[in-house]
Amino acid sequence: MTSELIVFLVLSLVAVSSALGMAFSRNAIYSALFLVLNFVTVAVFYLMLGAPFIAMSQITVYAGAIMVLFLFVIMLLGAESMAPSPQALPWQRPLAFILAVTLAVESIYLVFARARLNTVITTPDIAANSMESLREMAMTLFNQFLLPFEITSILLLVAMVGVIVLANRQKAGHRS
């Protein structure tokens, strides 16, 4: 086993563990901190793949700005510890199961579809500090990948609104 494989396996374990810790943590602040750890491990994966700009963008944008915003909203609304709702909607569990199965099937399909490709993926030899390569990356991001970029921003907005709604429901329950 090479040292790169060992680092990859350790980082994979940290990434999966932090994602599970984020998903199953009852404290919203701890959950956000697990998410920061996950973002940092993904940034290290980017470094291992030879993409230092994307790695630093990952740290700056997600682990920095977005998580500070999430922590601010969590603390502002007092939603540090969310108790489970006694009146869970009956359709939530079946919907979550259906979505989880759909995600698993899509993931398996993508893994096998990629495995069928017999082409060797080559990365272009681009200097890391070249302004032209950054310009090309920006044009690609905002031309070819504009829809996923916008969907991500809408997803973050929906998550923020969801936190506010959940915190207001919890506060309303304490007042009565």
Protein backbone atom coordinates (compact mmCIF):
# COMPACT_ATOMS: atom_id res chain seq x y z
CA MET A 1 0.00 0.00 0.00
CA THR A 2 1.27 3.40 -0.93
CA SER A 3 1.28 6.36 1.41
CA GLU A 4 -1.26 8.12 -0.83
CA LEU A 5 -3.67 5.20 -0.45
CA ILE A 6 -3.25 5.21 3.33
CA VAL A 7 -3.95 8.97 3.47
CA PHE A 8 -6.98 8.45 1.23
CA LEU A 9 -8.37 5.67 3.44
CA VAL A 10 -7.87 7.69 6.63
CA LEU A 11 -9.48 10.76 5.07
CA SER A 12 -12.36 8.63 3.79
CA LEU A 13 -12.96 7.32 7.30
CA VAL A 14 -12.88 10.85 8.71
CA ALA A 15 -15.23 12.15 5.98
CA VAL A 16 -17.79 9.38 6.47
CA SER A 17 -17.57 9.60 10.27
CA SER A 18 -18.02 13.36 10.28
CA ALA A 19 -20.98 13.08 7.89
CA LEU A 20 -22.62 10.50 10.16
CA GLY A 21 -21.86 12.64 13.20
CA MET A 22 -23.47 15.61 11.48
CA ALA A 23 -26.56 13.64 10.51
CA PHE A 24 -27.14 12.04 13.91
CA SER A 25 -26.12 14.85 16.26
CA ARG A 26 -28.98 16.25 18.34
CA ASN A 27 -27.11 19.50 18.97
CA ALA A 28 -27.21 21.84 15.97
CA ILE A 29 -23.88 23.47 16.79
CA TYR A 30 -22.10 20.12 17.01
CA SER A 31 -23.77 19.12 13.76
CA ALA A 32 -22.46 22.28 12.08
CA LEU A 33 -18.97 21.63 13.41
CA PHE A 34 -19.08 18.07 12.06
CA LEU A 35 -20.03 19.61 8.71
CA VAL A 36 -17.00 21.92 8.89
CA LEU A 37 -14.78 18.87 9.47
CA ASN A 38 -16.38 17.20 6.46
CA PHE A 39 -15.74 20.27 4.31
CA VAL A 40 -12.09 20.30 5.36
CA THR A 41 -11.63 16.62 4.47
CA VAL A 42 -13.20 17.25 1.06
CA ALA A 43 -10.75 20.13 0.59
CA VAL A 44 -7.86 17.75 1.35
CA PHE A 45 -9.27 15.35 -1.25
CA TYR A 46 -9.15 18.20 -3.75
CA LEU A 47 -5.52 18.84 -2.82
CA MET A 48 -4.73 15.17 -3.37
CA LEU A 49 -6.32 15.41 -6.82
CA GLY A 50 -4.09 18.35 -7.71
CA ALA A 51 -6.72 21.09 -7.51
CA PRO A 52 -5.41 23.61 -4.97
CA PHE A 53 -7.68 26.45 -6.14
CA ILE A 54 -10.83 24.39 -5.60
CA ALA A 55 -9.50 23.20 -2.24
CA MET A 56 -8.93 26.74 -1.01
CA SER A 57 -12.29 27.81 -2.41
CA GLN A 58 -13.89 24.94 -0.49
CA ILE A 59 -12.29 26.10 2.75
CA THR A 60 -12.97 29.80 2.18
CA VAL A 61 -16.54 29.60 0.93
CA TYR A 62 -18.01 26.59 2.69
CA ALA A 63 -15.98 26.04 5.85
CA GLY A 64 -15.59 29.78 6.26
CA ALA A 65 -18.44 31.95 5.09
CA ILE A 66 -21.35 29.51 4.85
CA MET A 67 -20.68 27.81 8.19
CA VAL A 68 -20.24 31.14 9.99
CA LEU A 69 -23.63 32.12 8.58
CA PHE A 70 -25.20 28.81 9.69
CA LEU A 71 -23.73 29.08 13.19
CA PHE A 72 -24.92 32.68 13.44
CA VAL A 73 -28.49 31.71 12.54
CA ILE A 74 -28.44 28.69 14.89
CA MET A 75 -27.24 30.78 17.82
CA LEU A 76 -29.45 33.76 16.97
CA LEU A 77 -32.58 31.64 16.96
CA GLY A 78 -31.56 29.56 19.96
CA ALA A 79 -31.85 26.27 18.09
CA GLU A 80 -28.73 24.71 19.61
CA SER A 81 -30.52 21.61 20.78
CA MET A 82 -33.50 20.43 18.79
CA ALA A 83 -35.79 18.02 20.60
CA PRO A 84 -37.59 15.51 18.38
CA SER A 85 -41.04 16.64 17.38
CA PRO A 86 -43.80 14.60 19.04
CA GLN A 87 -46.14 15.22 16.10
CA ALA A 88 -44.06 13.93 13.21
CA LEU A 89 -45.94 13.86 9.95
CA PRO A 90 -46.79 10.29 8.90
CA TRP A 91 -45.50 10.73 5.33
CA GLN A 92 -42.00 11.84 6.35
CA ARG A 93 -40.48 8.40 7.01
CA PRO A 94 -41.74 6.75 3.79
CA LEU A 95 -40.61 9.77 1.76
CA ALA A 96 -37.17 9.74 3.40
CA PHE A 97 -36.84 6.01 2.69
CA ILE A 98 -37.86 6.45 -0.96
CA LEU A 99 -35.39 9.31 -1.41
CA ALA A 100 -32.58 7.33 0.26
CA VAL A 101 -33.21 4.33 -2.01
CA THR A 102 -33.30 6.62 -5.06
CA LEU A 103 -29.99 8.19 -4.07
CA ALA A 104 -28.41 4.76 -3.52
CA VAL A 105 -29.63 3.49 -6.92
CA GLU A 106 -28.32 6.62 -8.67
CA SER A 107 -24.96 6.30 -6.93
CA ILE A 108 -24.60 2.65 -7.90
CA TYR A 109 -25.59 3.45 -11.48
CA LEU A 110 -23.01 6.24 -11.70
CA VAL A 111 -20.26 4.01 -10.29
CA PHE A 112 -20.96 1.30 -12.85
CA ALA A 113 -21.42 3.79 -15.70
CA ARG A 114 -18.01 5.29 -14.91
CA ALA A 115 -16.46 1.83 -14.67
CA ARG A 116 -17.66 1.03 -18.20
CA LEU A 117 -15.79 3.97 -19.64
CA ASN A 118 -12.51 2.66 -20.98
CA THR A 119 -11.11 6.05 -21.77
CA VAL A 120 -8.23 7.36 -19.74
CA ILE A 121 -9.00 10.68 -18.12
CA THR A 122 -6.17 13.10 -18.62
CA THR A 123 -5.92 16.46 -16.93
CA PRO A 124 -4.61 19.36 -18.94
CA ASP A 125 -1.24 20.74 -17.87
CA ILE A 126 -2.33 24.14 -16.55
CA ALA A 127 -0.22 26.31 -14.30
CA ALA A 128 -1.88 26.77 -10.90
CA ASN A 129 -1.32 30.53 -10.76
CA SER A 130 -2.20 31.28 -14.37
CA MET A 131 -4.83 33.96 -14.70
CA GLU A 132 -5.94 32.45 -18.00
CA SER A 133 -6.74 29.11 -16.36
CA LEU A 134 -8.81 30.88 -13.69
CA ARG A 135 -10.66 32.78 -16.39
CA GLU A 136 -11.35 29.53 -18.26
CA MET A 137 -12.55 27.87 -15.06
CA ALA A 138 -14.86 30.80 -14.32
CA MET A 139 -16.28 30.72 -17.83
CA THR A 140 -16.86 26.97 -17.56
CA LEU A 141 -18.47 27.33 -14.14
CA PHE A 142 -20.86 30.08 -15.17
CA ASN A 143 -21.62 28.78 -18.67
CA GLN A 144 -21.76 24.98 -18.52
CA PHE A 145 -22.46 24.56 -14.81
CA LEU A 146 -24.69 27.54 -14.12
CA LEU A 147 -27.76 25.42 -13.32
CA PRO A 148 -26.04 23.25 -10.65
CA PHE A 149 -24.48 26.41 -9.22
CA GLU A 150 -27.89 28.06 -8.90
CA ILE A 151 -29.50 24.89 -7.53
CA THR A 152 -26.84 24.79 -4.84
CA SER A 153 -27.57 28.37 -3.87
CA ILE A 154 -31.31 27.65 -3.70
CA LEU A 155 -30.64 24.54 -1.60
CA LEU A 156 -28.62 26.63 0.88
CA LEU A 157 -31.42 29.20 1.02
CA VAL A 158 -34.03 26.49 1.66
CA ALA A 159 -31.86 25.01 4.43
CA MET A 160 -31.60 28.43 6.07
CA VAL A 161 -35.35 28.99 5.90
CA GLY A 162 -35.90 25.48 7.28
CA VAL A 163 -33.72 26.25 10.30
CA ILE A 164 -35.67 29.44 10.95
CA VAL A 165 -39.04 27.66 10.68
CA LEU A 166 -37.94 24.81 12.97
CA ALA A 167 -36.55 27.25 15.54
CA ASN A 168 -39.74 29.31 15.52
CA ARG A 169 -41.87 26.19 16.01
CA GLN A 170 -39.70 25.10 18.93
CA LYS A 171 -39.86 28.56 20.52
CA ALA A 172 -43.64 28.65 20.05
CA GLY A 173 -43.89 25.30 21.84
CA HIS A 174 -41.97 26.68 24.86
CA ARG A 175 -44.22 29.76 25.15
CA SER A 176 -47.49 27.85 25.53
